[in-house]
Amino acid sequence: MARVRHLHLQIGQQYCQKEEKDNWGCKYFIKDFYRSLNPHDYWADGPKNVTCFEKGKEYKRGTLTYPIPCRKN
């Protein structure tokens, strides 16, 4: 899996201090790895509805968008 380019989106609420960083991947940064918030519950267009970023659009506080604009075909 490490050779496949992908975006790992996770919302941590507890972060590792420098001396605790003995893992790799997201565990290197996030202490509450299995208890972190599910980002799919916080999309701007509603839960489980991935929301593309649109420049100039205002979003409700506490919601997420995909971090880059989506391609329109």
N, C-alpha and C. Protein backbone atom coordinates (compact mmCIF):
# COMPACT_ATOMS: atom_id res chain seq x y z
N MET A 1 0.82 -1.19 0.00
CA MET A 1 0.00 0.00 0.00
C MET A 1 0.86 1.26 0.00
N ALA A 2 2.03 1.20 0.55
CA ALA A 2 2.87 2.39 0.65
C ALA A 2 3.28 2.93 -0.71
N ARG A 3 3.22 2.12 -1.74
CA ARG A 3 3.60 2.57 -3.07
C ARG A 3 2.45 3.20 -3.84
N VAL A 4 1.26 3.16 -3.28
CA VAL A 4 0.09 3.74 -3.92
C VAL A 4 -0.10 5.16 -3.38
N ARG A 5 -0.13 6.14 -4.27
CA ARG A 5 -0.35 7.51 -3.82
C ARG A 5 -1.79 7.67 -3.36
N HIS A 6 -1.95 8.23 -2.19
CA HIS A 6 -3.29 8.40 -1.64
C HIS A 6 -3.28 9.53 -0.62
N LEU A 7 -4.45 10.02 -0.33
CA LEU A 7 -4.62 11.06 0.68
C LEU A 7 -5.19 10.40 1.92
N HIS A 8 -4.51 10.57 3.03
CA HIS A 8 -4.98 10.02 4.30
C HIS A 8 -5.54 11.18 5.10
N LEU A 9 -6.84 11.18 5.30
CA LEU A 9 -7.50 12.27 6.02
C LEU A 9 -8.02 11.73 7.35
N GLN A 10 -7.51 12.28 8.43
CA GLN A 10 -7.90 11.85 9.77
C GLN A 10 -7.89 13.07 10.68
N ILE A 11 -8.84 13.13 11.60
CA ILE A 11 -8.91 14.26 12.52
C ILE A 11 -8.49 13.79 13.91
N GLY A 12 -7.27 14.12 14.27
CA GLY A 12 -6.77 13.78 15.59
C GLY A 12 -7.11 14.88 16.59
N GLN A 13 -7.23 14.49 17.84
CA GLN A 13 -7.49 15.46 18.90
C GLN A 13 -6.37 15.46 19.94
N GLN A 14 -5.49 14.46 19.85
CA GLN A 14 -4.32 14.37 20.72
C GLN A 14 -3.12 14.09 19.82
N TYR A 15 -2.07 14.88 19.99
CA TYR A 15 -0.92 14.77 19.11
C TYR A 15 0.33 14.35 19.88
N CYS A 16 1.19 13.60 19.22
CA CYS A 16 2.41 13.10 19.84
C CYS A 16 3.43 14.22 20.05
N GLN A 17 4.07 14.18 21.20
CA GLN A 17 5.19 15.07 21.48
C GLN A 17 6.43 14.50 20.78
N LYS A 18 7.44 15.30 20.61
CA LYS A 18 8.65 14.88 19.90
C LYS A 18 9.22 13.57 20.46
N GLU A 19 9.28 13.44 21.78
CA GLU A 19 9.87 12.24 22.39
C GLU A 19 8.99 11.00 22.24
N GLU A 20 7.72 11.15 21.83
CA GLU A 20 6.81 10.02 21.65
C GLU A 20 6.79 9.50 20.22
N LYS A 21 7.47 10.15 19.32
CA LYS A 21 7.40 9.81 17.90
C LYS A 21 8.29 8.62 17.57
N ASP A 22 7.77 7.41 17.84
CA ASP A 22 8.54 6.21 17.55
C ASP A 22 7.81 5.30 16.56
N ASN A 23 6.74 5.76 15.98
CA ASN A 23 5.98 5.01 14.98
C ASN A 23 6.20 5.61 13.61
N TRP A 24 5.44 5.17 12.63
CA TRP A 24 5.50 5.73 11.29
C TRP A 24 4.08 6.01 10.83
N GLY A 25 3.94 6.70 9.72
CA GLY A 25 2.63 7.04 9.19
C GLY A 25 1.88 7.98 10.11
N CYS A 26 0.55 7.85 10.13
CA CYS A 26 -0.24 8.77 10.94
C CYS A 26 -0.01 8.58 12.43
N LYS A 27 0.41 7.40 12.86
CA LYS A 27 0.70 7.19 14.28
C LYS A 27 1.89 8.03 14.73
N TYR A 28 2.68 8.50 13.79
CA TYR A 28 3.81 9.36 14.11
C TYR A 28 3.33 10.71 14.65
N PHE A 29 2.16 11.14 14.21
CA PHE A 29 1.63 12.45 14.59
C PHE A 29 0.47 12.38 15.57
N ILE A 30 -0.41 11.37 15.40
CA ILE A 30 -1.67 11.33 16.14
C ILE A 30 -1.63 10.29 17.26
N LYS A 31 -1.88 10.74 18.47
CA LYS A 31 -1.86 9.85 19.64
C LYS A 31 -3.17 9.07 19.76
N ASP A 32 -4.29 9.69 19.43
CA ASP A 32 -5.61 9.04 19.57
C ASP A 32 -6.00 8.34 18.27
N PHE A 33 -5.05 7.65 17.69
CA PHE A 33 -5.17 7.00 16.38
C PHE A 33 -6.52 6.31 16.14
N TYR A 34 -6.91 5.38 16.99
CA TYR A 34 -8.16 4.63 16.79
C TYR A 34 -9.39 5.34 17.35
N ARG A 35 -9.19 6.42 18.10
CA ARG A 35 -10.31 7.15 18.68
C ARG A 35 -10.49 8.52 18.04
N SER A 36 -9.75 8.79 16.98
CA SER A 36 -9.86 10.10 16.34
C SER A 36 -11.21 10.23 15.62
N LEU A 37 -11.57 11.46 15.30
CA LEU A 37 -12.86 11.73 14.66
C LEU A 37 -12.85 11.27 13.20
N ASN A 38 -13.99 10.79 12.74
CA ASN A 38 -14.13 10.35 11.35
C ASN A 38 -14.44 11.57 10.49
N PRO A 39 -13.54 11.94 9.56
CA PRO A 39 -13.77 13.13 8.75
C PRO A 39 -15.03 13.03 7.88
N HIS A 40 -15.48 11.81 7.58
CA HIS A 40 -16.68 11.66 6.74
C HIS A 40 -17.95 12.16 7.43
N ASP A 41 -17.87 12.42 8.72
CA ASP A 41 -19.01 12.98 9.45
C ASP A 41 -19.06 14.51 9.38
N TYR A 42 -18.04 15.13 8.78
CA TYR A 42 -17.91 16.59 8.83
C TYR A 42 -17.83 17.28 7.47
N TRP A 43 -18.21 16.62 6.38
CA TRP A 43 -18.17 17.26 5.06
C TRP A 43 -19.16 18.42 5.00
N ALA A 44 -18.79 19.48 4.31
CA ALA A 44 -19.62 20.69 4.22
C ALA A 44 -21.00 20.41 3.61
N ASP A 45 -21.07 19.46 2.68
CA ASP A 45 -22.35 19.12 2.04
C ASP A 45 -23.10 18.00 2.76
N GLY A 46 -22.67 17.68 3.97
CA GLY A 46 -23.35 16.66 4.76
C GLY A 46 -22.51 15.41 4.96
N PRO A 47 -22.83 14.62 5.98
CA PRO A 47 -22.08 13.40 6.28
C PRO A 47 -21.98 12.46 5.08
N LYS A 48 -20.79 11.91 4.90
CA LYS A 48 -20.47 10.93 3.85
C LYS A 48 -20.64 11.49 2.44
N ASN A 49 -20.70 12.82 2.30
CA ASN A 49 -20.86 13.48 1.00
C ASN A 49 -19.62 14.35 0.75
N VAL A 50 -18.57 13.74 0.16
CA VAL A 50 -17.31 14.44 -0.06
C VAL A 50 -17.58 15.76 -0.78
N THR A 51 -17.08 16.84 -0.23
CA THR A 51 -17.34 18.19 -0.74
C THR A 51 -16.09 18.76 -1.37
N CYS A 52 -16.18 19.12 -2.65
CA CYS A 52 -15.05 19.72 -3.35
C CYS A 52 -14.90 21.19 -2.93
N PHE A 53 -13.65 21.63 -2.82
CA PHE A 53 -13.38 23.02 -2.48
C PHE A 53 -13.71 23.92 -3.66
N GLU A 54 -14.42 25.01 -3.41
CA GLU A 54 -14.71 26.01 -4.43
C GLU A 54 -14.20 27.35 -3.93
N LYS A 55 -13.25 27.92 -4.67
CA LYS A 55 -12.66 29.20 -4.29
C LYS A 55 -13.76 30.27 -4.20
N GLY A 56 -13.72 31.05 -3.14
CA GLY A 56 -14.68 32.13 -2.95
C GLY A 56 -15.95 31.73 -2.23
N LYS A 57 -16.20 30.44 -2.12
CA LYS A 57 -17.41 29.97 -1.43
C LYS A 57 -17.15 29.96 0.08
N GLU A 58 -18.15 30.34 0.86
CA GLU A 58 -18.04 30.28 2.31
C GLU A 58 -18.67 28.99 2.81
N TYR A 59 -18.02 28.38 3.78
CA TYR A 59 -18.48 27.10 4.33
C TYR A 59 -18.82 27.26 5.81
N LYS A 60 -19.75 26.46 6.26
CA LYS A 60 -20.16 26.48 7.66
C LYS A 60 -18.96 26.10 8.54
N ARG A 61 -18.77 26.85 9.61
CA ARG A 61 -17.67 26.59 10.55
C ARG A 61 -17.76 25.16 11.08
N GLY A 62 -16.63 24.49 11.14
CA GLY A 62 -16.58 23.13 11.66
C GLY A 62 -16.79 22.05 10.61
N THR A 63 -16.90 22.46 9.33
CA THR A 63 -17.06 21.47 8.26
C THR A 63 -15.78 21.40 7.43
N LEU A 64 -15.69 20.35 6.62
CA LEU A 64 -14.51 20.11 5.79
C LEU A 64 -14.84 20.13 4.31
N THR A 65 -13.83 20.45 3.51
CA THR A 65 -13.90 20.25 2.07
C THR A 65 -12.68 19.45 1.66
N TYR A 66 -12.74 18.82 0.50
CA TYR A 66 -11.56 18.19 -0.07
C TYR A 66 -10.52 19.30 -0.19
N PRO A 67 -9.26 19.06 0.16
CA PRO A 67 -8.29 20.16 0.28
C PRO A 67 -7.86 20.82 -1.03
N ILE A 68 -8.31 20.31 -2.16
CA ILE A 68 -8.00 20.93 -3.45
C ILE A 68 -9.28 20.97 -4.28
N PRO A 69 -9.35 21.87 -5.28
CA PRO A 69 -10.54 21.88 -6.13
C PRO A 69 -10.68 20.55 -6.88
N CYS A 70 -11.89 20.08 -7.05
CA CYS A 70 -12.14 18.86 -7.82
C CYS A 70 -12.24 19.22 -9.29
N ARG A 71 -11.85 18.30 -10.13
CA ARG A 71 -11.90 18.50 -11.57
C ARG A 71 -13.33 18.38 -12.06
N LYS A 72 -13.78 19.34 -12.83
CA LYS A 72 -15.14 19.29 -13.41
C LYS A 72 -15.02 18.78 -14.84
N ASN A 73 -15.68 17.67 -15.14
CA ASN A 73 -15.65 17.11 -16.51
C ASN A 73 -16.91 17.43 -17.26
